Each structure stands twice: as C-alpha cells, then as structure tokens.
Amino acid sequence: MNTALLLIDVQESFRHRPYWNEAELPAFLDRCNALVAGAQAAGIPVVRVLHSDGPESVDNPFALKSGQVRPLEGLVPYEAAAEFIKHRHSALVGTGLSVWLHQQGIKRLIVAGIRTEQCCETTTRHASDEGWEVDYVTEATLTFAMRHDSGVWLNPADIKLRTETVLKDRFARICTVAQALQQAVS
C-alpha cells in the first residue's frame, strides 16, 4: 500500500477555544469516521497527528499537561500506524513524519482533520511541494467562522470553498471520502 491517511489535529483541545462551535461537528465526525473505517478496511495506515503548543501548563488546552491533546470524543477509536505531535502548522515540520512516510514507501496522502484552512491546508501544500500526491477530503475537515478585519464574517462553508479553490489542481485533488478511498485501492 503506498497511501496513508493523515488525521490532523482531531483533538479535544479545540473544545476549549472561544471559537468552538458544534454546528458542523456531527457531519464532520460522520465523514471522518467513515474515512477512518474505510482506510482500516482497505489496509491503509492511519497516522494520528496531534498539535501541542504554547505554555506547558494545565490551563492551556494545547499543552500536553492539560490532558486535552488527545483524540476528539466522537471519533471512532482506531489503532494508529504512527502518532506524531506537531508544534507548527505543517505536520511535516519537526515531527519525523516525512521520514516515517518515506520509510513506509508512501507516495500518496489523504488529508483530513481540524482546521480546514490552517493545519490541514498547510500540511497539504507542504506535502505537495515535497513530492507527495495529496487527496484533500474537505468533507472530513472541520473549521470555524472567522472575522476579517473589514468586519466581514466568513462561515465554515466559505472557508472550505476558498480552501478547495486554492488547493485544487495546484496542491491536491479535492475529493470525497469515497473518492479518496477508491483512489487508494486502485
């Protein structure tokens, strides 16, 4: 198998951010869980990537000491082929992930997780620049509304549309869960 699923930052830490909103969560978990289950059934390694940064104190939800740098409740339990803790936006910076992927002979990545426009998009761009083919599964990503300095609010659908627009045919193939899994086993 030359494909791996990168499940990026699907962690409890986000529940403790002021922008956390559960409106998109059920659809995200449904698609993310379908992707994980499909990957496991097809023998595709699932790589867990978690994010830790800021002061290492119990009141920082992104600190290991907080106990929140763990899989998001509602995510189907799975045995990760590998797990990496990142401290930057790209999962490929300072984690050893790229070494592991090369050692496994991985040529294609399926990217899903939290946040659509941040760590998922950044990892996708980085991976593409490093030579991996990337399937970006927008329906298995989650993000939150953001306010532009002009006062305009961008809702999650707007952000996902923007992310797909800038990644498509430049850095990734935009696909559904089913399309990503089909490509991986073809």
C-alpha atoms as a PDB file:
ATOM      1  CA  MET A   1       0.000   0.000   0.000  1.00  0.00           C
ATOM      2  CA  ASN A   2       1.524   3.323  -0.984  1.00  0.00           C
ATOM      3  CA  THR A   3      -1.159   5.567   0.579  1.00  0.00           C
ATOM      4  CA  ALA A   4      -1.527   6.836   4.135  1.00  0.00           C
ATOM      5  CA  LEU A   5      -4.328   8.751   5.837  1.00  0.00           C
ATOM      6  CA  LEU A   6      -3.135  11.749   7.860  1.00  0.00           C
ATOM      7  CA  LEU A   7      -5.710  12.585  10.514  1.00  0.00           C
ATOM      8  CA  ILE A   8      -4.585  16.021  11.643  1.00  0.00           C
ATOM      9  CA  ASP A   9      -5.428  17.654  14.987  1.00  0.00           C
ATOM     10  CA  VAL A  10      -8.733  15.853  15.603  1.00  0.00           C
ATOM     11  CA  GLN A  11      -8.344  16.547  19.302  1.00  0.00           C
ATOM     12  CA  GLU A  12     -10.192  17.679  22.398  1.00  0.00           C
ATOM     13  CA  SER A  13      -8.083  20.845  22.693  1.00  0.00           C
ATOM     14  CA  PHE A  14     -10.370  22.683  20.274  1.00  0.00           C
ATOM     15  CA  ARG A  15     -13.411  22.317  22.544  1.00  0.00           C
ATOM     16  CA  HIS A  16     -11.694  24.785  24.873  1.00  0.00           C
ATOM     17  CA  ARG A  17     -11.211  27.555  22.292  1.00  0.00           C
ATOM     18  CA  PRO A  18     -13.634  30.509  22.269  1.00  0.00           C
ATOM     19  CA  TYR A  19     -14.487  29.924  18.601  1.00  0.00           C
ATOM     20  CA  TRP A  20     -15.525  26.269  19.143  1.00  0.00           C
ATOM     21  CA  ASN A  21     -18.921  25.593  17.627  1.00  0.00           C
ATOM     22  CA  GLU A  22     -20.607  22.199  17.351  1.00  0.00           C
ATOM     23  CA  ALA A  23     -22.874  23.088  14.402  1.00  0.00           C
ATOM     24  CA  GLU A  24     -20.602  21.365  11.862  1.00  0.00           C
ATOM     25  CA  LEU A  25     -19.370  18.658  14.250  1.00  0.00           C
ATOM     26  CA  PRO A  26     -21.876  15.844  13.518  1.00  0.00           C
ATOM     27  CA  ALA A  27     -21.267  15.945   9.747  1.00  0.00           C
ATOM     28  CA  PHE A  28     -17.513  16.189  10.294  1.00  0.00           C
ATOM     29  CA  LEU A  29     -17.427  13.209  12.654  1.00  0.00           C
ATOM     30  CA  ASP A  30     -19.608  11.166  10.318  1.00  0.00           C
ATOM     31  CA  ARG A  31     -17.282  11.766   7.356  1.00  0.00           C
ATOM     32  CA  CYS A  32     -14.102  11.459   9.409  1.00  0.00           C
ATOM     33  CA  ASN A  33     -15.254   8.198  10.973  1.00  0.00           C
ATOM     34  CA  ALA A  34     -16.235   6.837   7.546  1.00  0.00           C
ATOM     35  CA  LEU A  35     -12.791   7.747   6.249  1.00  0.00           C
ATOM     36  CA  VAL A  36     -11.006   6.047   9.153  1.00  0.00           C
ATOM     37  CA  ALA A  37     -13.190   2.934   8.902  1.00  0.00           C
ATOM     38  CA  GLY A  38     -12.688   2.757   5.145  1.00  0.00           C
ATOM     39  CA  ALA A  39      -8.941   3.197   5.479  1.00  0.00           C
ATOM     40  CA  GLN A  40      -8.737   0.459   8.108  1.00  0.00           C
ATOM     41  CA  ALA A  41     -10.833  -1.906   5.976  1.00  0.00           C
ATOM     42  CA  ALA A  42      -8.564  -1.267   2.983  1.00  0.00           C
ATOM     43  CA  GLY A  43      -5.357  -1.689   4.980  1.00  0.00           C
ATOM     44  CA  ILE A  44      -4.401   1.978   4.600  1.00  0.00           C
ATOM     45  CA  PRO A  45      -2.263   3.138   7.520  1.00  0.00           C
ATOM     46  CA  VAL A  46      -3.941   5.842   9.603  1.00  0.00           C
ATOM     47  CA  VAL A  47      -1.492   8.361  11.050  1.00  0.00           C
ATOM     48  CA  ARG A  48      -2.581  10.360  14.092  1.00  0.00           C
ATOM     49  CA  VAL A  49      -1.157  13.868  14.222  1.00  0.00           C
ATOM     50  CA  LEU A  50      -1.867  15.966  17.304  1.00  0.00           C
ATOM     51  CA  HIS A  51      -0.933  19.593  17.965  1.00  0.00           C
ATOM     52  CA  SER A  52       0.764  20.931  21.073  1.00  0.00           C
ATOM     53  CA  ASP A  53       1.965  24.485  21.573  1.00  0.00           C
ATOM     54  CA  GLY A  54       2.071  27.389  23.989  1.00  0.00           C
ATOM     55  CA  PRO A  55       2.984  27.241  27.642  1.00  0.00           C
ATOM     56  CA  GLU A  56       3.197  23.745  29.094  1.00  0.00           C
ATOM     57  CA  SER A  57       0.561  24.315  31.772  1.00  0.00           C
ATOM     58  CA  VAL A  58      -2.681  22.564  32.687  1.00  0.00           C
ATOM     59  CA  ASP A  59      -4.778  25.622  31.752  1.00  0.00           C
ATOM     60  CA  ASN A  60      -3.517  25.620  28.132  1.00  0.00           C
ATOM     61  CA  PRO A  61      -5.684  23.099  26.207  1.00  0.00           C
ATOM     62  CA  PHE A  62      -2.910  22.625  23.630  1.00  0.00           C
ATOM     63  CA  ALA A  63      -0.346  21.685  26.279  1.00  0.00           C
ATOM     64  CA  LEU A  64       0.296  18.003  26.903  1.00  0.00           C
ATOM     65  CA  LYS A  65      -0.141  18.648  30.638  1.00  0.00           C
ATOM     66  CA  SER A  66      -3.761  19.712  30.062  1.00  0.00           C
ATOM     67  CA  GLY A  67      -4.850  16.210  29.072  1.00  0.00           C
ATOM     68  CA  GLN A  68      -6.725  17.688  26.094  1.00  0.00           C
ATOM     69  CA  VAL A  69      -4.128  16.741  23.466  1.00  0.00           C
ATOM     70  CA  ARG A  70      -5.980  13.501  22.785  1.00  0.00           C
ATOM     71  CA  PRO A  71      -8.456  12.259  20.178  1.00  0.00           C
ATOM     72  CA  LEU A  72     -11.725  14.170  19.952  1.00  0.00           C
ATOM     73  CA  GLU A  73     -14.681  12.481  21.631  1.00  0.00           C
ATOM     74  CA  GLY A  74     -16.922  11.001  18.973  1.00  0.00           C
ATOM     75  CA  LEU A  75     -14.028   9.988  16.751  1.00  0.00           C
ATOM     76  CA  VAL A  76     -14.087   6.246  16.154  1.00  0.00           C
ATOM     77  CA  PRO A  77     -11.290   4.560  18.137  1.00  0.00           C
ATOM     78  CA  TYR A  78      -8.518   3.286  15.894  1.00  0.00           C
ATOM     79  CA  GLU A  79      -5.023   1.935  16.201  1.00  0.00           C
ATOM     80  CA  ALA A  80      -2.704   4.477  14.648  1.00  0.00           C
ATOM     81  CA  ALA A  81       0.055   3.167  12.401  1.00  0.00           C
ATOM     82  CA  ALA A  82       2.107   6.037  13.837  1.00  0.00           C
ATOM     83  CA  GLU A  83       1.474   9.075  16.014  1.00  0.00           C
ATOM     84  CA  PHE A  84       3.224  12.427  15.842  1.00  0.00           C
ATOM     85  CA  ILE A  85       2.968  15.553  17.979  1.00  0.00           C
ATOM     86  CA  LYS A  86       3.488  18.720  15.987  1.00  0.00           C
ATOM     87  CA  HIS A  87       4.290  22.235  17.136  1.00  0.00           C
ATOM     88  CA  ARG A  88       3.855  24.017  13.792  1.00  0.00           C
ATOM     89  CA  HIS A  89       1.034  24.257  11.260  1.00  0.00           C
ATOM     90  CA  SER A  90       2.506  21.678   8.882  1.00  0.00           C
ATOM     91  CA  ALA A  91       2.550  18.129  10.188  1.00  0.00           C
ATOM     92  CA  LEU A  92       5.790  17.663   8.233  1.00  0.00           C
ATOM     93  CA  VAL A  93       7.811  20.231  10.208  1.00  0.00           C
ATOM     94  CA  GLY A  94       9.906  18.899  13.081  1.00  0.00           C
ATOM     95  CA  THR A  95       7.874  15.730  13.675  1.00  0.00           C
ATOM     96  CA  GLY A  96       9.698  12.959  11.861  1.00  0.00           C
ATOM     97  CA  LEU A  97       6.539  12.283   9.852  1.00  0.00           C
ATOM     98  CA  SER A  98       8.248  12.765   6.489  1.00  0.00           C
ATOM     99  CA  VAL A  99      10.958  10.262   7.451  1.00  0.00           C
ATOM    100  CA  TRP A 100       8.317   7.735   8.517  1.00  0.00           C
ATOM    101  CA  LEU A 101       6.349   8.222   5.286  1.00  0.00           C
ATOM    102  CA  HIS A 102       9.472   7.671   3.179  1.00  0.00           C
ATOM    103  CA  GLN A 103      10.429   4.594   5.206  1.00  0.00           C
ATOM    104  CA  GLN A 104       6.944   3.169   4.561  1.00  0.00           C
ATOM    105  CA  GLY A 105       7.162   3.875   0.818  1.00  0.00           C
ATOM    106  CA  ILE A 106       4.173   6.219   0.961  1.00  0.00           C
ATOM    107  CA  LYS A 107       3.589   8.165  -2.275  1.00  0.00           C
ATOM    108  CA  ARG A 108       0.027   9.430  -1.732  1.00  0.00           C
ATOM    109  CA  LEU A 109      -1.517  11.124   1.293  1.00  0.00           C
ATOM    110  CA  ILE A 110      -5.144  11.508   2.246  1.00  0.00           C
ATOM    111  CA  VAL A 111      -5.548  14.622   4.395  1.00  0.00           C
ATOM    112  CA  ALA A 112      -8.410  15.226   6.842  1.00  0.00           C
ATOM    113  CA  GLY A 113      -8.838  16.877  10.234  1.00  0.00           C
ATOM    114  CA  ILE A 114      -9.064  20.223  12.011  1.00  0.00           C
ATOM    115  CA  ARG A 115      -8.741  23.109  10.824  1.00  0.00           C
ATOM    116  CA  THR A 116      -9.581  23.129   7.137  1.00  0.00           C
ATOM    117  CA  GLU A 117      -7.664  26.307   6.227  1.00  0.00           C
ATOM    118  CA  GLN A 118      -4.902  26.052   8.765  1.00  0.00           C
ATOM    119  CA  CYS A 119      -3.072  22.834   9.603  1.00  0.00           C
ATOM    120  CA  CYS A 120      -4.824  20.669   7.008  1.00  0.00           C
ATOM    121  CA  GLU A 121      -4.218  23.145   4.183  1.00  0.00           C
ATOM    122  CA  THR A 122      -0.660  23.924   5.292  1.00  0.00           C
ATOM    123  CA  THR A 123       0.259  20.246   5.515  1.00  0.00           C
ATOM    124  CA  THR A 124      -1.285  19.668   2.077  1.00  0.00           C
ATOM    125  CA  ARG A 125       0.746  22.453   0.471  1.00  0.00           C
ATOM    126  CA  HIS A 126       3.938  21.284   2.170  1.00  0.00           C
ATOM    127  CA  ALA A 127       3.369  17.652   1.217  1.00  0.00           C
ATOM    128  CA  SER A 128       2.721  18.573  -2.408  1.00  0.00           C
ATOM    129  CA  ASP A 129       5.862  20.686  -2.529  1.00  0.00           C
ATOM    130  CA  GLU A 130       7.804  17.728  -1.115  1.00  0.00           C
ATOM    131  CA  GLY A 131       6.528  15.463  -3.891  1.00  0.00           C
ATOM    132  CA  TRP A 132       3.611  13.556  -2.383  1.00  0.00           C
ATOM    133  CA  GLU A 133       0.331  13.264  -4.253  1.00  0.00           C
ATOM    134  CA  VAL A 134      -2.396  14.544  -1.963  1.00  0.00           C
ATOM    135  CA  ASP A 135      -6.103  13.814  -1.779  1.00  0.00           C
ATOM    136  CA  TYR A 136      -7.725  16.579   0.267  1.00  0.00           C
ATOM    137  CA  VAL A 137     -11.013  15.385   1.760  1.00  0.00           C
ATOM    138  CA  THR A 138     -12.800  18.629   2.572  1.00  0.00           C
ATOM    139  CA  GLU A 139     -15.922  16.901   3.887  1.00  0.00           C
ATOM    140  CA  ALA A 140     -13.712  15.284   6.553  1.00  0.00           C
ATOM    141  CA  THR A 141     -12.266  18.605   7.701  1.00  0.00           C
ATOM    142  CA  LEU A 142     -13.654  20.995  10.289  1.00  0.00           C
ATOM    143  CA  THR A 143     -13.260  24.720  10.713  1.00  0.00           C
ATOM    144  CA  PHE A 144     -14.986  27.626  12.393  1.00  0.00           C
ATOM    145  CA  ALA A 145     -16.311  31.043  11.392  1.00  0.00           C
ATOM    146  CA  MET A 146     -13.690  33.766  11.138  1.00  0.00           C
ATOM    147  CA  ARG A 147     -13.975  37.552  11.069  1.00  0.00           C
ATOM    148  CA  HIS A 148     -11.961  39.543   8.537  1.00  0.00           C
ATOM    149  CA  ASP A 149     -10.528  42.928   9.616  1.00  0.00           C
ATOM    150  CA  SER A 150     -13.167  44.584   7.405  1.00  0.00           C
ATOM    151  CA  GLY A 151     -15.838  43.176   9.690  1.00  0.00           C
ATOM    152  CA  VAL A 152     -16.995  40.544   7.206  1.00  0.00           C
ATOM    153  CA  TRP A 153     -17.653  37.113   8.711  1.00  0.00           C
ATOM    154  CA  LEU A 154     -16.657  34.007   6.773  1.00  0.00           C
ATOM    155  CA  ASN A 155     -18.662  30.949   7.716  1.00  0.00           C
ATOM    156  CA  PRO A 156     -17.173  27.431   7.582  1.00  0.00           C
ATOM    157  CA  ALA A 157     -18.670  26.789   4.131  1.00  0.00           C
ATOM    158  CA  ASP A 158     -16.999  29.953   2.781  1.00  0.00           C
ATOM    159  CA  ILE A 159     -13.654  28.911   4.246  1.00  0.00           C
ATOM    160  CA  LYS A 160     -13.931  25.397   2.835  1.00  0.00           C
ATOM    161  CA  LEU A 161     -14.832  26.776  -0.603  1.00  0.00           C
ATOM    162  CA  ARG A 162     -11.817  29.093  -0.501  1.00  0.00           C
ATOM    163  CA  THR A 163      -9.523  26.265   0.591  1.00  0.00           C
ATOM    164  CA  GLU A 164     -10.735  23.960  -2.168  1.00  0.00           C
ATOM    165  CA  THR A 165     -10.290  26.754  -4.710  1.00  0.00           C
ATOM    166  CA  VAL A 166      -6.651  27.436  -3.816  1.00  0.00           C
ATOM    167  CA  LEU A 167      -5.630  23.781  -3.420  1.00  0.00           C
ATOM    168  CA  LYS A 168      -7.409  22.189  -6.417  1.00  0.00           C
ATOM    169  CA  ASP A 169      -5.079  21.120  -9.212  1.00  0.00           C
ATOM    170  CA  ARG A 170      -2.186  23.028  -7.638  1.00  0.00           C
ATOM    171  CA  PHE A 171      -1.512  21.131  -4.446  1.00  0.00           C
ATOM    172  CA  ALA A 172      -4.167  18.440  -4.211  1.00  0.00           C
ATOM    173  CA  ARG A 173      -7.019  16.555  -5.706  1.00  0.00           C
ATOM    174  CA  ILE A 174     -10.195  17.619  -3.915  1.00  0.00           C
ATOM    175  CA  CYS A 175     -12.308  14.565  -3.229  1.00  0.00           C
ATOM    176  CA  THR A 176     -14.946  12.918  -1.100  1.00  0.00           C
ATOM    177  CA  VAL A 177     -14.310  10.134   1.378  1.00  0.00           C
ATOM    178  CA  ALA A 178     -15.419   7.563  -1.202  1.00  0.00           C
ATOM    179  CA  GLN A 179     -13.213   9.040  -3.938  1.00  0.00           C
ATOM    180  CA  ALA A 180     -10.134   9.133  -1.692  1.00  0.00           C
ATOM    181  CA  LEU A 181     -10.601   5.519  -0.632  1.00  0.00           C
ATOM    182  CA  GLN A 182     -11.264   4.386  -4.196  1.00  0.00           C
ATOM    183  CA  GLN A 183      -8.091   6.123  -5.428  1.00  0.00           C
ATOM    184  CA  ALA A 184      -6.072   4.495  -2.648  1.00  0.00           C
ATOM    185  CA  VAL A 185      -7.079   0.951  -3.585  1.00  0.00           C
ATOM    186  CA  SER A 186      -6.890   1.425  -7.376  1.00  0.00           C
END
